[in-house]
Amino acid sequence: IYSASFENPSISGVIRKERIGLTSREETIIYFNRAINRDCVRFVIAHEIGHWYLGHLEQNSDGIFDDQLDLYRRRCSVNSEYLTEVDANRFAASLLMPRELVISFWEETSGNIEAMARRFQVSTVEMGYRADYVDRN
């Protein structure tokens, strides 16, 4: 996992396979945009791990380049080109904000998204995303 600067500043993260060193062995590498805030970095990394875990990288031999808008995708139709982004978002949200803890902190904070976001070290947008579908996952 590496921080990087991108020519396109809207790129939040990238996951791809690269040849490392003098060997011909490929490694899976994650890059996150060093310009984004710390709480978003955690979500970007978890989102990219989600792409790997869910097998999306195998379907994209050039790698996956995520625009910042991809991190805010909450819903799409089954036939949508954004289904992989929604799936990666759900994975990241579940990884960083486990269901049982979200429910517990929701009750503890009376649903205060800002307080919950601080507790989970994520942005309020990401916390809101998780709160939207916690009952399903």
Foldseek 3Di string as FASTA:
>chain_A
DEEDADPPNQFAKWWAWDQDDPDRDIDIDMYGHPPDDPQVNLLSVQLQVQCVVVVVRVVPNVTDTDGNVLLLDQDDDPPDPSPSSNSSLVRSLCVLQPLVNLVVVCVVVVNPLVVVCVVSSHDSSSSVSCVVCSVPD
